[in-house]
Amino acid sequence: MSTAGDVQQALRRRVAAGYPIVCLLTHEESRALEMVRSVVGAVPVWTATQGFDRVPDTTDPVRAIALAGVQPATRVTVMCDLHPFLRDPRVVRALREFAQRAEATSSAMFLVMPWLDMPVELEKDMTVLDVPLPDAGELARLLEAELERSGGKMGDVEAAVLAARGLTMGEARRAFRLAMTSPDMQSAVAEIVAEKQRIMRRSAAIELVDPDVGLDEIGGLEVLKVWLRSRVPAFRSSARAFGLPQPRGVLVCGVQGCGKSLAAKAASKVFGLPLVRMDFAAVFASSSPELAIRTATRIAEAVAPVVLWVDEIEKGLAADASGTHARVFGEFLVWMQEKRAAVFVAATANEVEQLPPELVRRGRFDDVFFVDLPGVKEREEILAIHLRRHGRDPGKYPIAELTKGLEHFSGAELEQVVIGALFRAFGLSRDLVAEDLRIAAKETVPLASMYEERVQALRAWAATRARRASADRRTLELFED
């Protein structure tokens, strides 16, 4: 992950190399301006409402670009939020003409904007730099400045800074000020995390999630559980010293309702890392899906180390993607391949035939697992887990007998058997008995029974592309003649 210092160094190198137009992508306009000034000193700044500083009649972008570089005072200029005007062919032409005369006049222009849909005419004249979200050092300095300003105290600065990772400087400043009114350190950190959750919800595509389930609360999937536990030491610095790379992620695919999403959540808990969920439906529902996916991945990198949970990844990265889908697909795949931050991608998929081969190949994920319908012992374990979760002692029920005829049931359907039985017992004003569970099971029609061919197709796909998440292989022949 790049830092503000990396961006400043990149700016210096590009100015020295004579790049005519440098675009800085960020929502933090003031922070980007500070970076530019640290490299080139005082510089005229243009906005659509004010034009250039102290220069009348320059709000029109075409006129402003024409004036840039003409006089010594305008050799280096900054234009903010020019992106809406890049749909105007006159503005594009003016930028091209600026680029053509820039070398002769030793001029340079910095464009500061949150998003860029680059016109093809400018591809050879413009270089683009992403401004990263503030790192821990910047946030720590900001917090210290806020504490000095207010005369307040913060018992654990490191915990507060860690909680604020992923926020812009402005968002972090406001979160710190809220936290300073808290009665104790635990409440202060909780206030920062709650504010971050509210801010992330505004972005729609990404949210901070509470990993409310551990590996011990998932029935079956022993192979996947062992694999996840084996990756825990790989996040330590000693693993880097040994020569191991950061774990990249895991793709869990298979039958619906068999614990894929639970496994993604449990990965966060077993690793001891925050869990952030990215929603591809929200990405494509936004006004600019490309900006939404870029913002989501930048936030994930900023809060690293983190588990990024991408549920039903095939909905966003379908193999027949075209247009906007294809661009988002390409952007996400490149990010997965090139990311350097400790972002462990825990992805799930149901419609596996829609997954493009580029996604499942090694290098993007560390491994691909297939989750099948639970076997005999797994069904018993799952039923016992849900009975305990609802306040019942599994030892009081004939679990082995109850699960014997439920070969087609998924984990989610076994949970519904328990819930349905509890409703029946509650309606009869007595405690749960085994007969309630038998009746609830008979009234449940498992999805796998209705979509037998679908389950077989999933297994056929996984036979050569994925590892089985469970050691119990007796369900392999479940639908075979």
Protein backbone atom coordinates (compact mmCIF):
# COMPACT_ATOMS: atom_id res chain seq x y z
CA MET A 1 0.00 0.00 0.00
CA SER A 2 1.38 3.41 -0.97
CA THR A 3 1.66 6.26 1.54
CA ALA A 4 1.39 10.04 1.31
CA GLY A 5 5.20 10.14 1.18
CA ASP A 6 5.15 7.77 -1.81
CA VAL A 7 2.73 10.06 -3.63
CA GLN A 8 4.89 13.13 -2.93
CA GLN A 9 7.94 11.31 -4.26
CA ALA A 10 5.99 10.28 -7.35
CA LEU A 11 4.95 13.91 -7.87
CA ARG A 12 8.56 15.12 -7.67
CA ARG A 13 9.70 12.55 -10.21
CA ARG A 14 6.93 13.39 -12.65
CA VAL A 15 7.50 17.14 -12.39
CA ALA A 16 11.22 16.59 -12.97
CA ALA A 17 10.45 14.32 -15.95
CA GLY A 18 8.25 17.00 -17.54
CA TYR A 19 4.86 15.35 -17.36
CA PRO A 20 2.40 18.03 -18.56
CA ILE A 21 -0.77 16.89 -16.70
CA VAL A 22 -0.81 14.95 -13.44
CA CYS A 23 -4.17 13.84 -12.04
CA LEU A 24 -4.52 13.18 -8.29
CA LEU A 25 -7.54 11.04 -7.48
CA THR A 26 -8.89 11.75 -4.00
CA HIS A 27 -11.85 13.13 -2.06
CA GLU A 28 -9.37 14.92 0.23
CA GLU A 29 -8.78 18.07 -1.77
CA SER A 30 -6.93 20.00 0.93
CA ARG A 31 -4.60 17.07 1.58
CA ALA A 32 -3.79 16.77 -2.13
CA LEU A 33 -3.07 20.51 -2.31
CA GLU A 34 -0.65 20.18 0.61
CA MET A 35 1.19 17.43 -1.28
CA VAL A 36 1.45 19.57 -4.41
CA ARG A 37 2.68 22.60 -2.45
CA SER A 38 5.29 20.47 -0.67
CA VAL A 39 6.73 19.65 -4.10
CA VAL A 40 6.36 22.87 -6.12
CA GLY A 41 5.65 25.57 -3.50
CA ALA A 42 2.83 28.11 -3.77
CA VAL A 43 0.64 27.46 -6.77
CA PRO A 44 -2.49 29.06 -8.32
CA VAL A 45 -5.62 27.00 -7.68
CA TRP A 46 -8.68 26.96 -9.95
CA THR A 47 -12.25 26.09 -8.99
CA ALA A 48 -15.43 26.38 -11.03
CA THR A 49 -16.88 28.88 -8.56
CA GLN A 50 -13.85 31.14 -7.99
CA GLY A 51 -11.67 30.67 -11.05
CA PHE A 52 -7.95 31.21 -10.42
CA ASP A 53 -6.92 33.03 -7.24
CA ARG A 54 -7.19 36.78 -7.72
CA VAL A 55 -7.60 36.45 -11.51
CA PRO A 56 -10.95 37.82 -12.75
CA ASP A 57 -13.12 36.11 -15.37
CA THR A 58 -11.45 32.69 -15.14
CA THR A 59 -14.35 30.51 -13.98
CA ASP A 60 -14.75 29.22 -17.54
CA PRO A 61 -12.51 26.12 -17.70
CA VAL A 62 -11.52 26.61 -21.34
CA ARG A 63 -10.30 30.17 -20.67
CA ALA A 64 -8.57 29.07 -17.46
CA ILE A 65 -6.67 26.26 -19.23
CA ALA A 66 -5.69 28.65 -22.03
CA LEU A 67 -4.17 31.05 -19.45
CA ALA A 68 -2.29 28.28 -17.62
CA GLY A 69 1.42 28.31 -18.38
CA VAL A 70 1.31 31.55 -20.35
CA GLN A 71 2.90 33.69 -17.62
CA PRO A 72 5.67 32.81 -15.13
CA ALA A 73 3.14 32.92 -12.26
CA THR A 74 1.07 30.22 -13.94
CA ARG A 75 3.86 27.80 -14.96
CA VAL A 76 2.44 25.31 -12.46
CA THR A 77 -1.31 25.32 -11.76
CA VAL A 78 -3.91 23.23 -9.96
CA MET A 79 -7.47 22.71 -11.18
CA CYS A 80 -9.96 21.16 -8.77
CA ASP A 81 -12.98 19.05 -9.76
CA LEU A 82 -12.51 19.37 -13.49
CA HIS A 83 -13.96 15.88 -14.11
CA PRO A 84 -17.55 17.00 -14.95
CA PHE A 85 -16.14 19.30 -17.64
CA LEU A 86 -14.19 16.50 -19.36
CA ARG A 87 -17.39 15.63 -21.24
CA ASP A 88 -17.00 18.98 -23.06
CA PRO A 89 -14.86 18.54 -26.21
CA ARG A 90 -13.67 22.16 -25.88
CA VAL A 91 -12.16 21.41 -22.46
CA VAL A 92 -10.50 18.26 -23.76
CA ARG A 93 -9.07 20.22 -26.69
CA ALA A 94 -7.81 22.96 -24.37
CA LEU A 95 -6.00 20.39 -22.22
CA ARG A 96 -4.39 18.84 -25.30
CA GLU A 97 -3.16 22.25 -26.42
CA PHE A 98 -1.78 22.90 -22.93
CA ALA A 99 0.08 19.59 -23.06
CA GLN A 100 1.53 20.47 -26.47
CA ARG A 101 2.99 23.78 -25.29
CA ALA A 102 3.96 22.54 -21.79
CA GLU A 103 7.47 21.38 -22.70
CA ALA A 104 8.36 24.65 -24.40
CA THR A 105 7.06 26.68 -21.44
CA SER A 106 8.19 24.26 -18.68
CA SER A 107 4.59 24.14 -17.50
CA ALA A 108 2.71 21.54 -15.49
CA MET A 109 -0.89 21.15 -14.42
CA PHE A 110 -2.26 19.17 -11.47
CA LEU A 111 -5.87 18.02 -11.60
CA VAL A 112 -7.38 17.17 -8.21
CA MET A 113 -10.63 15.19 -8.41
CA PRO A 114 -12.38 12.23 -6.79
CA TRP A 115 -12.92 10.32 -10.02
CA LEU A 116 -11.70 10.32 -13.61
CA ASP A 117 -13.29 8.86 -16.70
CA MET A 118 -10.37 9.72 -18.93
CA PRO A 119 -11.14 10.83 -22.49
CA VAL A 120 -9.19 8.78 -24.99
CA GLU A 121 -7.64 11.97 -26.41
CA LEU A 122 -5.80 12.61 -23.14
CA GLU A 123 -4.46 9.11 -22.48
CA LYS A 124 -0.97 9.95 -23.78
CA ASP A 125 -0.74 13.35 -22.08
CA MET A 126 -2.01 12.59 -18.57
CA THR A 127 -0.64 10.47 -15.73
CA VAL A 128 -2.86 9.43 -12.83
CA LEU A 129 -1.92 8.95 -9.16
CA ASP A 130 -4.20 7.62 -6.44
CA VAL A 131 -3.87 9.50 -3.15
CA PRO A 132 -4.09 6.84 -0.41
CA LEU A 133 -6.12 7.25 2.73
CA PRO A 134 -4.09 8.42 5.75
CA ASP A 135 -1.79 5.84 7.32
CA ALA A 136 -1.30 5.21 11.04
CA GLY A 137 1.43 7.84 11.34
CA GLU A 138 -0.72 10.59 9.84
CA LEU A 139 -3.70 9.65 12.01
CA ALA A 140 -1.52 9.59 15.13
CA ARG A 141 -0.24 13.09 14.38
CA LEU A 142 -3.79 14.27 13.75
CA LEU A 143 -4.97 12.82 17.07
CA GLU A 144 -2.09 14.40 18.95
CA ALA A 145 -2.91 17.77 17.37
CA GLU A 146 -6.58 17.39 18.36
CA LEU A 147 -5.65 16.46 21.92
CA GLU A 148 -3.33 19.46 22.15
CA ARG A 149 -6.01 21.76 20.74
CA SER A 150 -8.67 20.59 23.16
CA GLY A 151 -6.45 19.90 26.15
CA GLY A 152 -7.96 16.42 26.36
CA LYS A 153 -6.38 13.04 26.99
CA MET A 154 -6.55 9.65 25.30
CA GLY A 155 -5.39 6.65 27.30
CA ASP A 156 -4.49 4.43 24.36
CA VAL A 157 -3.58 6.47 21.28
CA GLU A 158 -2.63 3.37 19.30
CA ALA A 159 -6.06 1.77 19.80
CA ALA A 160 -7.82 4.97 18.73
CA VAL A 161 -5.65 5.27 15.62
CA LEU A 162 -6.24 1.62 14.71
CA ALA A 163 -9.99 2.14 15.04
CA ALA A 164 -9.82 5.16 12.70
CA ARG A 165 -7.96 3.39 9.87
CA GLY A 166 -9.91 3.71 6.63
CA LEU A 167 -11.21 7.22 7.31
CA THR A 168 -10.16 10.40 5.54
CA MET A 169 -8.39 13.06 7.60
CA GLY A 170 -11.60 15.08 7.91
CA GLU A 171 -13.65 12.03 8.92
CA ALA A 172 -10.99 10.95 11.43
CA ARG A 173 -10.82 14.44 12.94
CA ARG A 174 -14.56 14.45 13.57
CA ALA A 175 -14.46 10.87 14.93
CA PHE A 176 -11.63 11.79 17.32
CA ARG A 177 -13.55 14.80 18.57
CA LEU A 178 -16.59 12.62 19.25
CA ALA A 179 -14.40 10.07 21.06
CA MET A 180 -12.89 12.75 23.32
CA THR A 181 -16.29 13.24 24.94
CA SER A 182 -16.45 9.55 25.98
CA PRO A 183 -16.07 8.63 29.67
CA ASP A 184 -13.37 5.97 29.18
CA MET A 185 -11.00 4.50 26.61
CA GLN A 186 -13.19 1.54 25.73
CA SER A 187 -16.12 3.85 25.03
CA ALA A 188 -13.86 6.17 23.02
CA VAL A 189 -12.69 3.37 20.72
CA ALA A 190 -16.27 2.11 20.39
CA GLU A 191 -17.36 5.64 19.40
CA ILE A 192 -14.70 5.78 16.66
CA VAL A 193 -15.67 2.34 15.34
CA ALA A 194 -19.36 3.26 15.36
CA GLU A 195 -18.62 6.46 13.45
CA LYS A 196 -16.57 4.48 10.93
CA GLN A 197 -19.49 2.09 10.46
CA ARG A 198 -21.82 5.02 9.79
CA ILE A 199 -19.38 6.52 7.28
CA MET A 200 -18.86 3.21 5.49
CA ARG A 201 -22.62 2.72 5.18
CA ARG A 202 -22.75 5.96 3.21
CA SER A 203 -20.43 4.45 0.62
CA ALA A 204 -22.99 1.60 0.21
CA ALA A 205 -20.49 -0.79 -1.40
CA ILE A 206 -18.55 -1.57 1.77
CA GLU A 207 -19.40 -1.96 5.43
CA LEU A 208 -17.71 -2.97 8.66
CA VAL A 209 -19.25 -6.21 9.96
CA ASP A 210 -19.17 -7.84 13.37
CA PRO A 211 -17.80 -11.40 12.92
CA ASP A 212 -20.42 -13.02 15.14
CA VAL A 213 -19.47 -16.64 14.47
CA GLY A 214 -16.35 -18.71 15.11
CA LEU A 215 -15.12 -21.94 13.56
CA ASP A 216 -16.46 -23.97 16.49
CA GLU A 217 -19.95 -22.69 15.71
CA ILE A 218 -19.89 -24.16 12.18
CA GLY A 219 -20.78 -27.82 11.68
CA GLY A 220 -18.52 -29.91 9.44
CA LEU A 221 -16.10 -28.34 6.92
CA GLU A 222 -13.16 -29.82 8.83
CA VAL A 223 -10.70 -29.55 5.92
CA LEU A 224 -11.48 -25.86 5.45
CA LYS A 225 -11.27 -25.24 9.21
CA VAL A 226 -7.82 -26.87 9.39
CA TRP A 227 -6.70 -24.80 6.39
CA LEU A 228 -7.86 -21.53 8.00
CA ARG A 229 -6.19 -22.33 11.32
CA SER A 230 -2.95 -23.17 9.51
CA ARG A 231 -2.92 -19.65 7.99
CA VAL A 232 -3.05 -17.85 11.35
CA PRO A 233 0.76 -17.78 11.88
CA ALA A 234 1.25 -16.63 8.27
CA PHE A 235 0.06 -13.12 9.19
CA ARG A 236 2.97 -12.59 11.57
CA SER A 237 6.19 -10.75 10.72
CA SER A 238 8.14 -13.95 11.41
CA ALA A 239 6.41 -15.48 8.38
CA ARG A 240 7.72 -12.64 6.17
CA ALA A 241 11.22 -13.21 7.56
CA PHE A 242 10.85 -16.91 6.72
CA GLY A 243 10.02 -15.99 3.12
CA LEU A 244 6.26 -16.53 3.18
CA PRO A 245 4.05 -14.00 1.36
CA GLN A 246 0.94 -12.54 2.95
CA PRO A 247 -2.06 -14.91 2.66
CA ARG A 248 -4.11 -13.62 -0.27
CA GLY A 249 -7.50 -15.20 0.30
CA VAL A 250 -9.83 -18.14 -0.24
CA LEU A 251 -12.79 -18.78 -2.54
CA VAL A 252 -15.54 -20.96 -1.04
CA CYS A 253 -18.13 -22.19 -3.52
CA GLY A 254 -20.85 -24.83 -3.52
CA VAL A 255 -24.40 -25.69 -2.52
CA GLN A 256 -26.53 -22.90 -1.07
CA GLY A 257 -27.09 -22.85 2.67
CA CYS A 258 -24.10 -25.05 3.55
CA GLY A 259 -21.99 -22.56 5.48
CA LYS A 260 -19.99 -20.60 2.89
CA SER A 261 -20.79 -17.18 4.35
CA LEU A 262 -20.32 -18.47 7.89
CA ALA A 263 -16.84 -19.69 6.93
CA ALA A 264 -15.96 -16.25 5.55
CA LYS A 265 -17.07 -14.62 8.81
CA ALA A 266 -15.25 -17.21 10.91
CA ALA A 267 -12.03 -16.51 8.99
CA SER A 268 -12.07 -13.00 10.44
CA LYS A 269 -12.52 -14.31 13.96
CA VAL A 270 -9.85 -17.02 13.75
CA PHE A 271 -7.34 -14.57 12.26
CA GLY A 272 -8.21 -11.92 14.84
CA LEU A 273 -8.76 -9.33 12.08
CA PRO A 274 -11.58 -6.85 11.36
CA LEU A 275 -14.21 -7.99 8.85
CA VAL A 276 -15.26 -5.72 6.00
CA ARG A 277 -18.00 -6.78 3.57
CA MET A 278 -18.09 -5.61 -0.04
CA ASP A 279 -21.42 -5.74 -1.88
CA PHE A 280 -21.16 -5.97 -5.69
CA ALA A 281 -24.88 -5.28 -6.07
CA ALA A 282 -24.29 -1.92 -4.37
CA VAL A 283 -21.23 -1.32 -6.56
CA PHE A 284 -23.28 -1.59 -9.73
CA ALA A 285 -26.22 0.32 -8.25
CA SER A 286 -23.98 3.36 -7.66
CA SER A 287 -23.78 6.21 -10.16
CA SER A 288 -20.16 5.29 -10.91
CA PRO A 289 -19.39 1.57 -10.37
CA GLU A 290 -15.72 2.09 -11.25
CA LEU A 291 -15.39 4.73 -8.54
CA ALA A 292 -17.30 2.52 -6.07
CA ILE A 293 -14.99 -0.47 -6.57
CA ARG A 294 -11.89 1.70 -6.35
CA THR A 295 -13.13 3.37 -3.17
CA ALA A 296 -14.00 0.01 -1.63
CA THR A 297 -10.57 -1.50 -2.30
CA ARG A 298 -8.80 1.64 -1.06
CA ILE A 299 -10.75 1.50 2.21
CA ALA A 300 -9.94 -2.21 2.57
CA GLU A 301 -6.23 -1.47 2.11
CA ALA A 302 -6.37 1.44 4.53
CA VAL A 303 -7.82 -0.69 7.36
CA ALA A 304 -5.45 -3.61 6.67
CA PRO A 305 -4.74 -6.11 8.06
CA VAL A 306 -8.34 -7.06 7.39
CA VAL A 307 -10.58 -9.80 5.99
CA LEU A 308 -12.55 -8.56 2.97
CA TRP A 309 -15.72 -10.64 2.65
CA VAL A 310 -17.12 -10.69 -0.90
CA ASP A 311 -20.41 -12.59 -0.82
CA GLU A 312 -21.71 -14.15 -4.05
CA ILE A 313 -18.78 -12.84 -6.03
CA GLU A 314 -20.18 -14.24 -9.29
CA LYS A 315 -22.91 -11.55 -9.20
CA GLY A 316 -20.28 -8.91 -9.90
CA LEU A 317 -17.64 -10.82 -11.85
CA ALA A 318 -19.65 -12.92 -14.28
CA ALA A 319 -17.73 -14.53 -17.11
CA ASP A 320 -19.91 -12.85 -19.75
CA ALA A 321 -19.37 -9.38 -18.31
CA SER A 322 -19.42 -6.52 -20.78
CA GLY A 323 -19.31 -2.73 -20.67
CA THR A 324 -19.29 -1.40 -17.11
CA HIS A 325 -19.24 -4.94 -15.69
CA ALA A 326 -16.13 -5.74 -17.71
CA ARG A 327 -14.31 -2.63 -16.49
CA VAL A 328 -15.21 -3.32 -12.85
CA PHE A 329 -14.24 -6.96 -13.32
CA GLY A 330 -10.87 -5.95 -14.75
CA GLU A 331 -10.22 -3.39 -12.03
CA PHE A 332 -11.00 -5.86 -9.24
CA LEU A 333 -8.90 -8.65 -10.77
CA VAL A 334 -5.90 -6.36 -11.20
CA TRP A 335 -6.26 -5.18 -7.61
CA MET A 336 -6.42 -8.77 -6.33
CA GLN A 337 -3.28 -9.65 -8.27
CA GLU A 338 -1.27 -6.54 -7.40
CA LYS A 339 -2.38 -5.72 -3.83
CA ARG A 340 0.44 -5.49 -1.32
CA ALA A 341 -1.59 -4.63 1.78
CA ALA A 342 -2.61 -7.45 4.15
CA VAL A 343 -6.15 -7.82 2.77
CA PHE A 344 -7.36 -11.43 2.97
CA VAL A 345 -10.20 -11.83 0.45
CA ALA A 346 -12.80 -14.35 1.66
CA ALA A 347 -15.14 -14.80 -1.31
CA THR A 348 -18.18 -17.02 -1.71
CA ALA A 349 -19.97 -18.19 -4.85
CA ASN A 350 -23.14 -20.16 -5.65
CA GLU A 351 -23.36 -19.98 -9.46
CA VAL A 352 -19.89 -21.40 -10.05
CA GLU A 353 -20.27 -21.86 -13.81
CA GLN A 354 -20.43 -18.06 -14.09
CA LEU A 355 -16.98 -17.62 -12.53
CA PRO A 356 -14.37 -16.57 -15.10
CA PRO A 357 -11.23 -18.74 -15.23
CA GLU A 358 -9.08 -15.67 -14.48
CA LEU A 359 -10.69 -15.45 -11.05
CA VAL A 360 -10.12 -19.00 -9.84
CA ARG A 361 -6.55 -19.44 -11.02
CA ARG A 362 -3.73 -19.49 -8.49
CA GLY A 363 -2.31 -16.09 -7.58
CA ARG A 364 -5.65 -14.44 -6.92
CA PHE A 365 -6.67 -16.87 -4.18
CA ASP A 366 -4.49 -19.18 -2.13
CA ASP A 367 -7.04 -21.97 -2.52
CA VAL A 368 -10.55 -22.80 -3.75
CA PHE A 369 -12.87 -24.97 -1.64
CA PHE A 370 -16.12 -26.70 -2.54
CA VAL A 371 -18.82 -26.99 0.15
CA ASP A 372 -21.18 -29.94 -0.36
CA LEU A 373 -24.32 -31.02 1.48
CA PRO A 374 -23.40 -32.16 5.00
CA GLY A 375 -22.65 -35.83 5.60
CA VAL A 376 -24.04 -38.00 8.39
CA LYS A 377 -21.75 -36.83 11.20
CA GLU A 378 -21.88 -33.24 9.96
CA ARG A 379 -25.69 -33.20 10.10
CA GLU A 380 -25.56 -34.41 13.69
CA GLU A 381 -23.02 -31.72 14.56
CA ILE A 382 -25.05 -28.98 12.85
CA LEU A 383 -28.30 -29.99 14.55
CA ALA A 384 -26.53 -30.04 17.93
CA ILE A 385 -25.05 -26.59 17.33
CA HIS A 386 -28.46 -25.07 16.56
CA LEU A 387 -30.11 -26.75 19.53
CA ARG A 388 -27.42 -25.26 21.80
CA ARG A 389 -27.80 -21.89 20.13
CA HIS A 390 -31.49 -21.92 21.05
CA GLY A 391 -30.90 -22.89 24.65
CA ARG A 392 -31.45 -26.67 24.46
CA ASP A 393 -29.16 -29.50 25.56
CA PRO A 394 -28.48 -31.71 22.48
CA GLY A 395 -27.88 -34.68 24.76
CA LYS A 396 -31.58 -34.82 25.56
CA TYR A 397 -32.56 -35.54 21.94
CA PRO A 398 -31.89 -38.58 19.68
CA ILE A 399 -29.85 -36.54 17.21
CA ALA A 400 -28.41 -39.52 15.29
CA GLU A 401 -31.88 -40.92 14.71
CA LEU A 402 -33.37 -37.53 13.81
CA THR A 403 -30.77 -36.76 11.13
CA LYS A 404 -30.70 -40.23 9.56
CA GLY A 405 -33.31 -39.46 6.92
CA LEU A 406 -32.19 -35.89 6.16
CA GLU A 407 -29.57 -36.62 3.48
CA HIS A 408 -30.70 -33.79 1.20
CA PHE A 409 -30.78 -31.10 3.93
CA SER A 410 -28.34 -28.19 3.95
CA GLY A 411 -27.05 -26.60 7.15
CA ALA A 412 -29.48 -23.69 6.76
CA GLU A 413 -32.39 -26.10 6.36
CA LEU A 414 -31.37 -28.03 9.49
CA GLU A 415 -31.42 -24.72 11.35
CA GLN A 416 -34.96 -24.10 10.08
CA VAL A 417 -35.98 -27.55 11.33
CA VAL A 418 -34.96 -26.49 14.85
CA ILE A 419 -36.72 -23.13 14.54
CA GLY A 420 -39.88 -24.74 13.12
CA ALA A 421 -39.91 -27.28 15.93
CA LEU A 422 -39.53 -24.51 18.52
CA PHE A 423 -42.51 -22.66 17.01
CA ARG A 424 -44.59 -25.84 17.28
CA ALA A 425 -43.59 -26.47 20.90
CA PHE A 426 -44.22 -22.84 21.83
CA GLY A 427 -47.68 -22.97 20.25
CA LEU A 428 -48.49 -26.05 22.35
CA SER A 429 -47.25 -24.30 25.52
CA ARG A 430 -44.58 -26.89 26.35
CA ASP A 431 -40.86 -27.44 25.88
CA LEU A 432 -39.28 -28.84 22.74
CA VAL A 433 -39.47 -32.64 22.26
CA ALA A 434 -38.03 -34.95 19.60
CA GLU A 435 -41.41 -35.33 17.90
CA ASP A 436 -41.46 -31.58 17.18
CA LEU A 437 -38.15 -31.94 15.32
CA ARG A 438 -39.44 -34.97 13.33
CA ILE A 439 -42.59 -33.14 12.26
CA ALA A 440 -40.66 -29.95 11.33
CA ALA A 441 -38.26 -32.05 9.21
CA LYS A 442 -41.15 -33.76 7.38
CA GLU A 443 -42.69 -30.37 6.59
CA THR A 444 -39.44 -29.02 5.11
CA VAL A 445 -38.75 -29.59 1.41
CA PRO A 446 -34.97 -29.26 0.93
CA LEU A 447 -33.75 -27.20 -1.98
CA ALA A 448 -31.41 -29.99 -3.13
CA SER A 449 -34.37 -32.30 -3.72
CA MET A 450 -35.93 -29.80 -6.12
CA TYR A 451 -32.66 -28.99 -7.91
CA GLU A 452 -31.00 -32.37 -8.13
CA GLU A 453 -29.36 -31.63 -11.49
CA ARG A 454 -28.04 -28.36 -10.15
CA VAL A 455 -26.24 -30.07 -7.28
CA GLN A 456 -24.74 -32.61 -9.68
CA ALA A 457 -23.54 -29.78 -11.94
CA LEU A 458 -21.87 -28.04 -8.99
CA ARG A 459 -20.06 -31.23 -8.08
CA ALA A 460 -18.94 -31.80 -11.66
CA TRP A 461 -17.48 -28.28 -11.79
CA ALA A 462 -15.70 -28.68 -8.47
CA ALA A 463 -14.24 -32.11 -9.29
CA THR A 464 -11.28 -30.59 -11.15
CA ARG A 465 -11.29 -27.01 -9.86
CA ALA A 466 -11.64 -27.08 -6.07
CA ARG A 467 -10.75 -28.91 -2.89
CA ARG A 468 -13.53 -30.41 -0.81
CA ALA A 469 -14.15 -28.43 2.37
CA SER A 470 -15.32 -31.54 4.21
CA ALA A 471 -13.52 -34.81 4.89
CA ASP A 472 -16.81 -36.72 4.81
CA ARG A 473 -17.11 -38.05 1.25
CA ARG A 474 -20.27 -40.09 1.62
CA THR A 475 -22.45 -37.37 0.13
CA LEU A 476 -20.59 -37.65 -3.18
CA GLU A 477 -22.92 -40.44 -4.35
CA LEU A 478 -26.05 -38.82 -2.92
CA PHE A 479 -27.72 -38.20 -6.29
CA GLU A 480 -25.93 -40.82 -8.36
CA ASP A 481 -27.89 -43.70 -9.82
